[in-house]
Every structure is written in C-alpha cells, then in structure tokens.
Amino acid sequence: MTNKANKVYQEISRAVQSDFNVAVEGESGVGKLHFARLIHQGRNREGEFMVLDCERGEKERAAIVGQLASPEFLERLRGSTKRDTVLVRRIDLLEGHLLAKFSDFIEELGNDGAFPRSKLLSLGLVGSLLNSEHKSSRNNMQLHKLLDSLFCLRMKILPLRERKDEIPQLVDRFIALFNQEQKRSVLGIARDALGLLLKYDWPDNVRELRMEIERAATLTRDYQSIKPAVLSERVTQSVSDVRSLD
C-alpha cells in the first residue's frame, strides 16, 4: 500500500480510537459513506447508523437542520447507551441561512452550558463534503465556521487515482458482492483485465469502479473470469490513448 493510501487508513484508525465528531472530505465517489460506516463499526457502536442526506433537496435540507438544531435530538445522541452515529451527507450543500441557523444553535448551546464543548464534539456526528479548498465565498466561510465548531477531526479521502494499489482488493470485493446479490458465480478477473483497470485514472473514483465491475460481471459467464473484452470502451480507449502518447 502506498504511503498516501496508508495515511487514509491511519486517519480512519485515529478516528475510530476517538469519540470525536469527524468531517470526511473528498471528491465525489471516493467512498465517504463507506469510511463513515467503518468509523461507526470500528467504534463498536451497536446503535443505529443514520444518514441525513443534504443532496435530496431544499426542503429536505431545511428539515435536516431543523432536526439537528434540536436539543432533544442532540440529547438523544448524547444519552444513547448503544451510541448512534449520524452521517450528515454533503453538509457543504447547506444554504447560508441554514448554516447560520445551525452554527448559532451550536454556539447558544455552548454558551448556556447545556452542552459543554467536549460533549458537542463527541455526539457521534460524521459530516461529509466535497473538496472545499480555494473557495472564499461567504457560504464557504460559514461552512468552515460550523466545521470548526462541531467537528474536532478532519480527514481527507484521496481519489482512487492516488491509491490504485487498492484496486485489486476493491475488485475482489465488488465481484463477491455482485455474486451474492445476483446469485452468480463469476470467478474473478483475468490478469490482463486487471492491468487495464490499474492504468485507468477513474475520474468518478470508487463508485465508477464498482459500476464497471458490475457491468463486466454481468457480461461474464458463470465460472469464468472477467476478460478485457467485456470492459467498457471508456476504460479500454482511455488506456489506448495513454499508450499512443508514450
């Protein structure tokens, strides 16, 4: 495993060993939901893993903030004996007024002593967001104010193109999941097909890799391995274009 990829799992391990809220940042499709689940499971939490998805729409985002900005909801998280984890997916999509409402609520809680900062930082919240550097908009400043006040740990998930040595393991996992879900018996992937996957840069990251494997496995007969011929033209043509430039 490369040093960069290893650093991701070191950060996951650090998050697991703490009780702090975690903000997980990375490109679309890198597996932020997967890593949030790993944090929940690694903390040996028997409670619920809940996902509040800010990508669903404006009304849903307002409802999510209304739920989060509720002393009763935070008290439930704090008092849960099994320790629930709440993933606030794409927290960066919250509009400015919603970010301000949530930030003001958190500040008020801290000021009146109802929730000491140590308790606010250990509620079992995980926030996911896209890469946010180099943005200086007012909305982004409000976002980082909220992140700084509520999430003690910040971790960045590298894109798949920077951790390609994980691809063989991911491919095996996706084939196993495909076989289980579709009641199929695809044996694995041929070495030359895997070689093509390792040379492709995966602009849509792990999500794109899974879709590629599911497509290729669908076109592969039971008790056979995935061959280069069933890989998408997007992958094979991209690799051919790179070769032609060498």
C-alpha atoms as a PDB file:
ATOM      1  CA  MET A   1       0.000   0.000   0.000  1.00  0.00           C
ATOM      2  CA  THR A   2       1.365   3.432  -0.914  1.00  0.00           C
ATOM      3  CA  ASN A   3       2.204   5.970   1.771  1.00  0.00           C
ATOM      4  CA  LYS A   4      -0.712   8.172   0.639  1.00  0.00           C
ATOM      5  CA  ALA A   5      -3.215   5.315   0.781  1.00  0.00           C
ATOM      6  CA  ASN A   6      -1.827   4.113   4.093  1.00  0.00           C
ATOM      7  CA  LYS A   7      -2.314   7.607   5.519  1.00  0.00           C
ATOM      8  CA  VAL A   8      -6.057   7.383   4.811  1.00  0.00           C
ATOM      9  CA  TYR A   9      -6.364   4.228   6.902  1.00  0.00           C
ATOM     10  CA  GLN A  10      -4.183   5.706   9.622  1.00  0.00           C
ATOM     11  CA  GLU A  11      -6.644   8.600   9.842  1.00  0.00           C
ATOM     12  CA  ILE A  12      -9.560   6.154   9.934  1.00  0.00           C
ATOM     13  CA  SER A  13      -7.833   4.323  12.789  1.00  0.00           C
ATOM     14  CA  ARG A  14      -7.302   7.621  14.616  1.00  0.00           C
ATOM     15  CA  ALA A  15     -10.986   8.461  14.204  1.00  0.00           C
ATOM     16  CA  VAL A  16     -12.035   5.008  15.441  1.00  0.00           C
ATOM     17  CA  GLN A  17      -9.908   5.344  18.565  1.00  0.00           C
ATOM     18  CA  SER A  18     -11.528   8.647  19.489  1.00  0.00           C
ATOM     19  CA  ASP A  19     -15.079   9.706  20.272  1.00  0.00           C
ATOM     20  CA  PHE A  20     -14.860  12.976  18.389  1.00  0.00           C
ATOM     21  CA  ASN A  21     -17.150  14.067  15.566  1.00  0.00           C
ATOM     22  CA  VAL A  22     -15.457  13.616  12.189  1.00  0.00           C
ATOM     23  CA  ALA A  23     -15.645  15.632   8.950  1.00  0.00           C
ATOM     24  CA  VAL A  24     -14.776  13.465   5.923  1.00  0.00           C
ATOM     25  CA  GLU A  25     -13.744  15.379   2.815  1.00  0.00           C
ATOM     26  CA  GLY A  26     -13.044  14.132  -0.710  1.00  0.00           C
ATOM     27  CA  GLU A  27     -14.055  14.051  -4.343  1.00  0.00           C
ATOM     28  CA  SER A  28     -17.386  12.611  -5.418  1.00  0.00           C
ATOM     29  CA  GLY A  29     -17.374   8.832  -5.394  1.00  0.00           C
ATOM     30  CA  VAL A  30     -14.278   8.248  -3.226  1.00  0.00           C
ATOM     31  CA  GLY A  31     -16.242   6.247  -0.661  1.00  0.00           C
ATOM     32  CA  LYS A  32     -17.033   8.759   2.088  1.00  0.00           C
ATOM     33  CA  LEU A  33     -20.164   6.797   3.067  1.00  0.00           C
ATOM     34  CA  HIS A  34     -18.078   3.610   3.269  1.00  0.00           C
ATOM     35  CA  PHE A  35     -15.484   5.237   5.511  1.00  0.00           C
ATOM     36  CA  ALA A  36     -18.188   6.747   7.722  1.00  0.00           C
ATOM     37  CA  ARG A  37     -19.580   3.238   8.238  1.00  0.00           C
ATOM     38  CA  LEU A  38     -16.078   1.964   9.051  1.00  0.00           C
ATOM     39  CA  ILE A  39     -15.779   4.613  11.755  1.00  0.00           C
ATOM     40  CA  HIS A  40     -19.176   3.663  13.198  1.00  0.00           C
ATOM     41  CA  GLN A  41     -18.385  -0.070  13.163  1.00  0.00           C
ATOM     42  CA  GLY A  42     -14.835   0.393  14.400  1.00  0.00           C
ATOM     43  CA  ARG A  43     -16.064   2.224  17.472  1.00  0.00           C
ATOM     44  CA  ASN A  44     -18.049  -0.917  18.374  1.00  0.00           C
ATOM     45  CA  ARG A  45     -21.265   1.006  18.321  1.00  0.00           C
ATOM     46  CA  GLU A  46     -24.328  -1.195  18.465  1.00  0.00           C
ATOM     47  CA  GLY A  47     -26.627   1.713  17.782  1.00  0.00           C
ATOM     48  CA  GLU A  48     -28.141   2.914  14.531  1.00  0.00           C
ATOM     49  CA  PHE A  49     -26.159   4.322  11.610  1.00  0.00           C
ATOM     50  CA  MET A  50     -28.360   7.112  10.285  1.00  0.00           C
ATOM     51  CA  VAL A  51     -27.837   9.085   7.074  1.00  0.00           C
ATOM     52  CA  LEU A  52     -29.228  12.607   6.702  1.00  0.00           C
ATOM     53  CA  ASP A  53     -28.774  13.396   3.011  1.00  0.00           C
ATOM     54  CA  CYS A  54     -28.454  17.099   2.184  1.00  0.00           C
ATOM     55  CA  GLU A  55     -28.380  16.298  -1.537  1.00  0.00           C
ATOM     56  CA  ARG A  56     -32.076  15.468  -1.675  1.00  0.00           C
ATOM     57  CA  GLY A  57     -33.478  18.984  -1.965  1.00  0.00           C
ATOM     58  CA  GLU A  58     -34.002  22.362  -0.315  1.00  0.00           C
ATOM     59  CA  LYS A  59     -36.966  21.282   1.804  1.00  0.00           C
ATOM     60  CA  GLU A  60     -35.093  18.207   2.986  1.00  0.00           C
ATOM     61  CA  ARG A  61     -32.050  20.301   3.893  1.00  0.00           C
ATOM     62  CA  ALA A  62     -34.218  22.644   5.960  1.00  0.00           C
ATOM     63  CA  ALA A  63     -35.767  19.634   7.711  1.00  0.00           C
ATOM     64  CA  ILE A  64     -32.319  18.173   8.425  1.00  0.00           C
ATOM     65  CA  VAL A  65     -31.108  21.393  10.044  1.00  0.00           C
ATOM     66  CA  GLY A  66     -34.354  21.603  11.992  1.00  0.00           C
ATOM     67  CA  GLN A  67     -33.694  18.108  13.305  1.00  0.00           C
ATOM     68  CA  LEU A  68     -30.036  18.758  14.104  1.00  0.00           C
ATOM     69  CA  ALA A  69     -30.804  22.128  15.728  1.00  0.00           C
ATOM     70  CA  SER A  70     -32.958  20.411  18.291  1.00  0.00           C
ATOM     71  CA  PRO A  71     -31.829  19.922  21.895  1.00  0.00           C
ATOM     72  CA  GLU A  72     -33.972  16.784  22.054  1.00  0.00           C
ATOM     73  CA  PHE A  73     -32.184  15.203  19.087  1.00  0.00           C
ATOM     74  CA  LEU A  74     -28.718  16.013  20.420  1.00  0.00           C
ATOM     75  CA  GLU A  75     -29.735  14.824  23.876  1.00  0.00           C
ATOM     76  CA  ARG A  76     -30.803  11.529  22.327  1.00  0.00           C
ATOM     77  CA  LEU A  77     -27.394  11.126  20.713  1.00  0.00           C
ATOM     78  CA  ARG A  78     -25.584  12.065  23.896  1.00  0.00           C
ATOM     79  CA  GLY A  79     -27.687   9.784  26.095  1.00  0.00           C
ATOM     80  CA  SER A  80     -27.841   6.737  23.813  1.00  0.00           C
ATOM     81  CA  THR A  81     -26.313   3.737  25.580  1.00  0.00           C
ATOM     82  CA  LYS A  82     -25.616   1.987  22.258  1.00  0.00           C
ATOM     83  CA  ARG A  83     -24.258   5.182  20.667  1.00  0.00           C
ATOM     84  CA  ASP A  84     -25.865   6.039  17.354  1.00  0.00           C
ATOM     85  CA  THR A  85     -23.851   7.581  14.523  1.00  0.00           C
ATOM     86  CA  VAL A  86     -25.384  10.230  12.276  1.00  0.00           C
ATOM     87  CA  LEU A  87     -23.847  10.912   8.880  1.00  0.00           C
ATOM     88  CA  VAL A  88     -24.747  14.358   7.572  1.00  0.00           C
ATOM     89  CA  ARG A  89     -24.059  13.680   3.903  1.00  0.00           C
ATOM     90  CA  ARG A  90     -22.901  16.634   1.755  1.00  0.00           C
ATOM     91  CA  ILE A  91     -23.077  19.120   4.582  1.00  0.00           C
ATOM     92  CA  ASP A  92     -21.436  21.574   2.170  1.00  0.00           C
ATOM     93  CA  LEU A  93     -24.737  21.825   0.246  1.00  0.00           C
ATOM     94  CA  LEU A  94     -26.486  23.604   3.109  1.00  0.00           C
ATOM     95  CA  GLU A  95     -27.522  27.118   2.158  1.00  0.00           C
ATOM     96  CA  GLY A  96     -26.016  30.068   4.005  1.00  0.00           C
ATOM     97  CA  HIS A  97     -29.065  30.738   6.155  1.00  0.00           C
ATOM     98  CA  LEU A  98     -29.222  27.081   7.205  1.00  0.00           C
ATOM     99  CA  LEU A  99     -25.514  27.023   8.049  1.00  0.00           C
ATOM    100  CA  ALA A 100     -26.004  30.194  10.092  1.00  0.00           C
ATOM    101  CA  LYS A 101     -29.013  28.712  11.901  1.00  0.00           C
ATOM    102  CA  PHE A 102     -27.123  25.552  12.798  1.00  0.00           C
ATOM    103  CA  SER A 103     -23.961  27.455  13.809  1.00  0.00           C
ATOM    104  CA  ASP A 104     -25.944  29.867  16.005  1.00  0.00           C
ATOM    105  CA  PHE A 105     -27.706  26.932  17.673  1.00  0.00           C
ATOM    106  CA  ILE A 106     -24.397  25.227  18.458  1.00  0.00           C
ATOM    107  CA  GLU A 107     -22.973  28.482  19.820  1.00  0.00           C
ATOM    108  CA  GLU A 108     -26.009  29.045  22.035  1.00  0.00           C
ATOM    109  CA  LEU A 109     -25.759  25.531  23.437  1.00  0.00           C
ATOM    110  CA  GLY A 110     -22.127  26.099  24.336  1.00  0.00           C
ATOM    111  CA  ASN A 111     -22.838  29.486  25.904  1.00  0.00           C
ATOM    112  CA  ASP A 112     -25.677  28.366  28.159  1.00  0.00           C
ATOM    113  CA  GLY A 113     -23.750  25.343  29.429  1.00  0.00           C
ATOM    114  CA  ALA A 114     -26.374  22.821  28.344  1.00  0.00           C
ATOM    115  CA  PHE A 115     -23.822  21.033  26.183  1.00  0.00           C
ATOM    116  CA  PRO A 116     -20.165  21.547  27.149  1.00  0.00           C
ATOM    117  CA  ARG A 117     -17.888  21.664  24.107  1.00  0.00           C
ATOM    118  CA  SER A 118     -16.472  18.249  24.991  1.00  0.00           C
ATOM    119  CA  LYS A 119     -19.993  16.799  24.688  1.00  0.00           C
ATOM    120  CA  LEU A 120     -20.758  18.637  21.456  1.00  0.00           C
ATOM    121  CA  LEU A 121     -17.610  17.174  19.901  1.00  0.00           C
ATOM    122  CA  SER A 122     -18.481  13.598  20.854  1.00  0.00           C
ATOM    123  CA  LEU A 123     -22.092  13.228  19.753  1.00  0.00           C
ATOM    124  CA  GLY A 124     -21.371  10.666  17.040  1.00  0.00           C
ATOM    125  CA  LEU A 125     -21.754  13.045  14.102  1.00  0.00           C
ATOM    126  CA  VAL A 126     -19.925  12.494  10.806  1.00  0.00           C
ATOM    127  CA  GLY A 127     -20.144  15.193   8.139  1.00  0.00           C
ATOM    128  CA  SER A 128     -19.196  14.503   4.531  1.00  0.00           C
ATOM    129  CA  LEU A 129     -18.316  17.196   1.998  1.00  0.00           C
ATOM    130  CA  LEU A 130     -16.614  17.664  -1.328  1.00  0.00           C
ATOM    131  CA  ASN A 131     -13.161  19.179  -1.582  1.00  0.00           C
ATOM    132  CA  SER A 132     -13.551  22.746  -0.371  1.00  0.00           C
ATOM    133  CA  GLU A 133     -10.150  24.372  -0.546  1.00  0.00           C
ATOM    134  CA  HIS A 134      -9.562  27.544  -2.590  1.00  0.00           C
ATOM    135  CA  LYS A 135     -13.117  28.753  -2.022  1.00  0.00           C
ATOM    136  CA  SER A 136     -13.558  32.085  -0.286  1.00  0.00           C
ATOM    137  CA  SER A 137     -17.287  32.649  -0.669  1.00  0.00           C
ATOM    138  CA  ARG A 138     -19.383  33.788   2.280  1.00  0.00           C
ATOM    139  CA  ASN A 139     -21.207  30.456   2.255  1.00  0.00           C
ATOM    140  CA  ASN A 140     -17.916  28.569   2.429  1.00  0.00           C
ATOM    141  CA  MET A 141     -16.746  30.715   5.342  1.00  0.00           C
ATOM    142  CA  GLN A 142     -19.955  29.860   7.207  1.00  0.00           C
ATOM    143  CA  LEU A 143     -19.425  26.190   6.410  1.00  0.00           C
ATOM    144  CA  HIS A 144     -15.932  26.205   7.867  1.00  0.00           C
ATOM    145  CA  LYS A 145     -17.178  28.047  10.939  1.00  0.00           C
ATOM    146  CA  LEU A 146     -19.629  25.198  11.519  1.00  0.00           C
ATOM    147  CA  LEU A 147     -16.997  22.551  10.819  1.00  0.00           C
ATOM    148  CA  ASP A 148     -14.571  24.177  13.238  1.00  0.00           C
ATOM    149  CA  SER A 149     -17.175  24.402  15.996  1.00  0.00           C
ATOM    150  CA  LEU A 150     -18.635  20.906  15.684  1.00  0.00           C
ATOM    151  CA  PHE A 151     -16.023  18.570  14.162  1.00  0.00           C
ATOM    152  CA  CYS A 152     -12.765  18.082  16.009  1.00  0.00           C
ATOM    153  CA  LEU A 153     -11.297  15.627  13.487  1.00  0.00           C
ATOM    154  CA  ARG A 154     -10.966  16.452   9.791  1.00  0.00           C
ATOM    155  CA  MET A 155      -9.844  13.836   7.296  1.00  0.00           C
ATOM    156  CA  LYS A 156      -9.443  13.875   3.540  1.00  0.00           C
ATOM    157  CA  ILE A 157     -10.061  10.768   1.434  1.00  0.00           C
ATOM    158  CA  LEU A 158      -7.720  10.566  -1.537  1.00  0.00           C
ATOM    159  CA  PRO A 159      -9.116   9.944  -5.028  1.00  0.00           C
ATOM    160  CA  LEU A 160      -8.763   6.412  -6.385  1.00  0.00           C
ATOM    161  CA  ARG A 161      -6.135   7.501  -8.911  1.00  0.00           C
ATOM    162  CA  GLU A 162      -3.832   8.225  -5.959  1.00  0.00           C
ATOM    163  CA  ARG A 163      -4.427   4.878  -4.250  1.00  0.00           C
ATOM    164  CA  LYS A 164      -4.517   2.466  -7.168  1.00  0.00           C
ATOM    165  CA  ASP A 165      -2.896  -0.314  -5.174  1.00  0.00           C
ATOM    166  CA  GLU A 166      -6.305  -0.757  -3.502  1.00  0.00           C
ATOM    167  CA  ILE A 167      -7.959  -1.601  -6.832  1.00  0.00           C
ATOM    168  CA  PRO A 168      -7.327  -5.403  -6.745  1.00  0.00           C
ATOM    169  CA  GLN A 169      -8.880  -5.655  -3.295  1.00  0.00           C
ATOM    170  CA  LEU A 170     -11.834  -3.467  -4.315  1.00  0.00           C
ATOM    171  CA  VAL A 171     -12.383  -5.522  -7.480  1.00  0.00           C
ATOM    172  CA  ASP A 172     -12.483  -8.761  -5.470  1.00  0.00           C
ATOM    173  CA  ARG A 173     -14.972  -7.206  -3.062  1.00  0.00           C
ATOM    174  CA  PHE A 174     -17.234  -5.909  -5.816  1.00  0.00           C
ATOM    175  CA  ILE A 175     -17.223  -9.265  -7.632  1.00  0.00           C
ATOM    176  CA  ALA A 176     -18.133 -11.027  -4.375  1.00  0.00           C
ATOM    177  CA  LEU A 177     -20.966  -8.554  -3.772  1.00  0.00           C
ATOM    178  CA  PHE A 178     -22.187  -9.000  -7.352  1.00  0.00           C
ATOM    179  CA  ASN A 179     -22.210 -12.781  -6.989  1.00  0.00           C
ATOM    180  CA  GLN A 180     -24.067 -12.559  -3.699  1.00  0.00           C
ATOM    181  CA  GLU A 181     -26.675 -10.071  -4.886  1.00  0.00           C
ATOM    182  CA  GLN A 182     -27.248 -11.620  -8.325  1.00  0.00           C
ATOM    183  CA  LYS A 183     -26.762 -15.257  -7.289  1.00  0.00           C
ATOM    184  CA  ARG A 184     -23.979 -15.604  -9.838  1.00  0.00           C
ATOM    185  CA  SER A 185     -20.609 -17.393  -9.887  1.00  0.00           C
ATOM    186  CA  VAL A 186     -18.117 -15.104 -11.633  1.00  0.00           C
ATOM    187  CA  LEU A 187     -14.700 -16.429 -10.592  1.00  0.00           C
ATOM    188  CA  GLY A 188     -12.667 -13.233 -10.568  1.00  0.00           C
ATOM    189  CA  ILE A 189     -10.758 -11.096 -13.036  1.00  0.00           C
ATOM    190  CA  ALA A 190      -8.062 -12.027 -15.547  1.00  0.00           C
ATOM    191  CA  ARG A 191      -4.626 -10.513 -15.007  1.00  0.00           C
ATOM    192  CA  ASP A 192      -4.647  -8.552 -18.277  1.00  0.00           C
ATOM    193  CA  ALA A 193      -8.095  -7.117 -17.482  1.00  0.00           C
ATOM    194  CA  LEU A 194      -6.920  -6.074 -14.035  1.00  0.00           C
ATOM    195  CA  GLY A 195      -3.894  -4.460 -15.677  1.00  0.00           C
ATOM    196  CA  LEU A 196      -6.204  -2.234 -17.730  1.00  0.00           C
ATOM    197  CA  LEU A 197      -8.122  -1.202 -14.621  1.00  0.00           C
ATOM    198  CA  LEU A 198      -4.855  -0.253 -12.906  1.00  0.00           C
ATOM    199  CA  LYS A 199      -3.889   2.030 -15.803  1.00  0.00           C
ATOM    200  CA  TYR A 200      -7.204   3.899 -15.908  1.00  0.00           C
ATOM    201  CA  ASP A 201      -7.486   7.046 -13.758  1.00  0.00           C
ATOM    202  CA  TRP A 202     -11.107   6.640 -12.523  1.00  0.00           C
ATOM    203  CA  PRO A 203     -12.400  10.234 -12.609  1.00  0.00           C
ATOM    204  CA  ASP A 204     -15.542   9.142 -10.732  1.00  0.00           C
ATOM    205  CA  ASN A 205     -13.496   7.147  -8.239  1.00  0.00           C
ATOM    206  CA  VAL A 206     -14.657   4.030  -6.376  1.00  0.00           C
ATOM    207  CA  ARG A 207     -18.259   4.447  -7.495  1.00  0.00           C
ATOM    208  CA  GLU A 208     -17.174   4.251 -11.143  1.00  0.00           C
ATOM    209  CA  LEU A 209     -15.023   1.190 -10.451  1.00  0.00           C
ATOM    210  CA  ARG A 210     -17.945  -0.636  -8.870  1.00  0.00           C
ATOM    211  CA  MET A 211     -20.210   0.175 -11.812  1.00  0.00           C
ATOM    212  CA  GLU A 212     -17.512  -1.048 -14.211  1.00  0.00           C
ATOM    213  CA  ILE A 213     -17.138  -4.340 -12.347  1.00  0.00           C
ATOM    214  CA  GLU A 214     -20.900  -4.899 -12.143  1.00  0.00           C
ATOM    215  CA  ARG A 215     -21.229  -4.266 -15.879  1.00  0.00           C
ATOM    216  CA  ALA A 216     -18.312  -6.536 -16.758  1.00  0.00           C
ATOM    217  CA  ALA A 217     -19.510  -9.284 -14.412  1.00  0.00           C
ATOM    218  CA  THR A 218     -22.966  -9.169 -15.994  1.00  0.00           C
ATOM    219  CA  LEU A 219     -21.339  -9.859 -19.376  1.00  0.00           C
ATOM    220  CA  THR A 220     -19.214 -12.690 -17.986  1.00  0.00           C
ATOM    221  CA  ARG A 221     -20.456 -16.279 -17.814  1.00  0.00           C
ATOM    222  CA  ASP A 222     -20.566 -18.166 -14.541  1.00  0.00           C
ATOM    223  CA  TYR A 223     -17.361 -19.991 -13.595  1.00  0.00           C
ATOM    224  CA  GLN A 224     -15.330 -17.692 -15.837  1.00  0.00           C
ATOM    225  CA  SER A 225     -13.182 -14.655 -15.084  1.00  0.00           C
ATOM    226  CA  ILE A 226     -13.719 -11.110 -16.312  1.00  0.00           C
ATOM    227  CA  LYS A 227     -11.713 -10.619 -19.520  1.00  0.00           C
ATOM    228  CA  PRO A 228     -10.572  -7.388 -21.239  1.00  0.00           C
ATOM    229  CA  ALA A 229     -13.198  -7.870 -23.963  1.00  0.00           C
ATOM    230  CA  VAL A 230     -16.066  -7.168 -21.539  1.00  0.00           C
ATOM    231  CA  LEU A 231     -14.576  -3.988 -20.096  1.00  0.00           C
ATOM    232  CA  SER A 232     -16.185  -0.745 -21.217  1.00  0.00           C
ATOM    233  CA  GLU A 233     -14.818   1.204 -24.153  1.00  0.00           C
ATOM    234  CA  ARG A 234     -14.348   4.134 -21.791  1.00  0.00           C
ATOM    235  CA  VAL A 235     -11.687   2.189 -19.903  1.00  0.00           C
ATOM    236  CA  THR A 236     -10.013   0.438 -22.811  1.00  0.00           C
ATOM    237  CA  GLN A 237      -9.994   3.512 -25.062  1.00  0.00           C
ATOM    238  CA  SER A 238      -8.572   5.725 -22.327  1.00  0.00           C
ATOM    239  CA  VAL A 239      -5.730   3.269 -21.755  1.00  0.00           C
ATOM    240  CA  SER A 240      -5.107   3.065 -25.526  1.00  0.00           C
ATOM    241  CA  ASP A 241      -4.958   6.876 -25.738  1.00  0.00           C
ATOM    242  CA  VAL A 242      -2.346   6.963 -22.982  1.00  0.00           C
ATOM    243  CA  ARG A 243      -0.276   4.313 -24.765  1.00  0.00           C
ATOM    244  CA  SER A 244      -0.401   6.257 -28.016  1.00  0.00           C
ATOM    245  CA  LEU A 245       1.132   9.275 -26.248  1.00  0.00           C
ATOM    246  CA  ASP A 246       4.062   7.264 -24.861  1.00  0.00           C
END
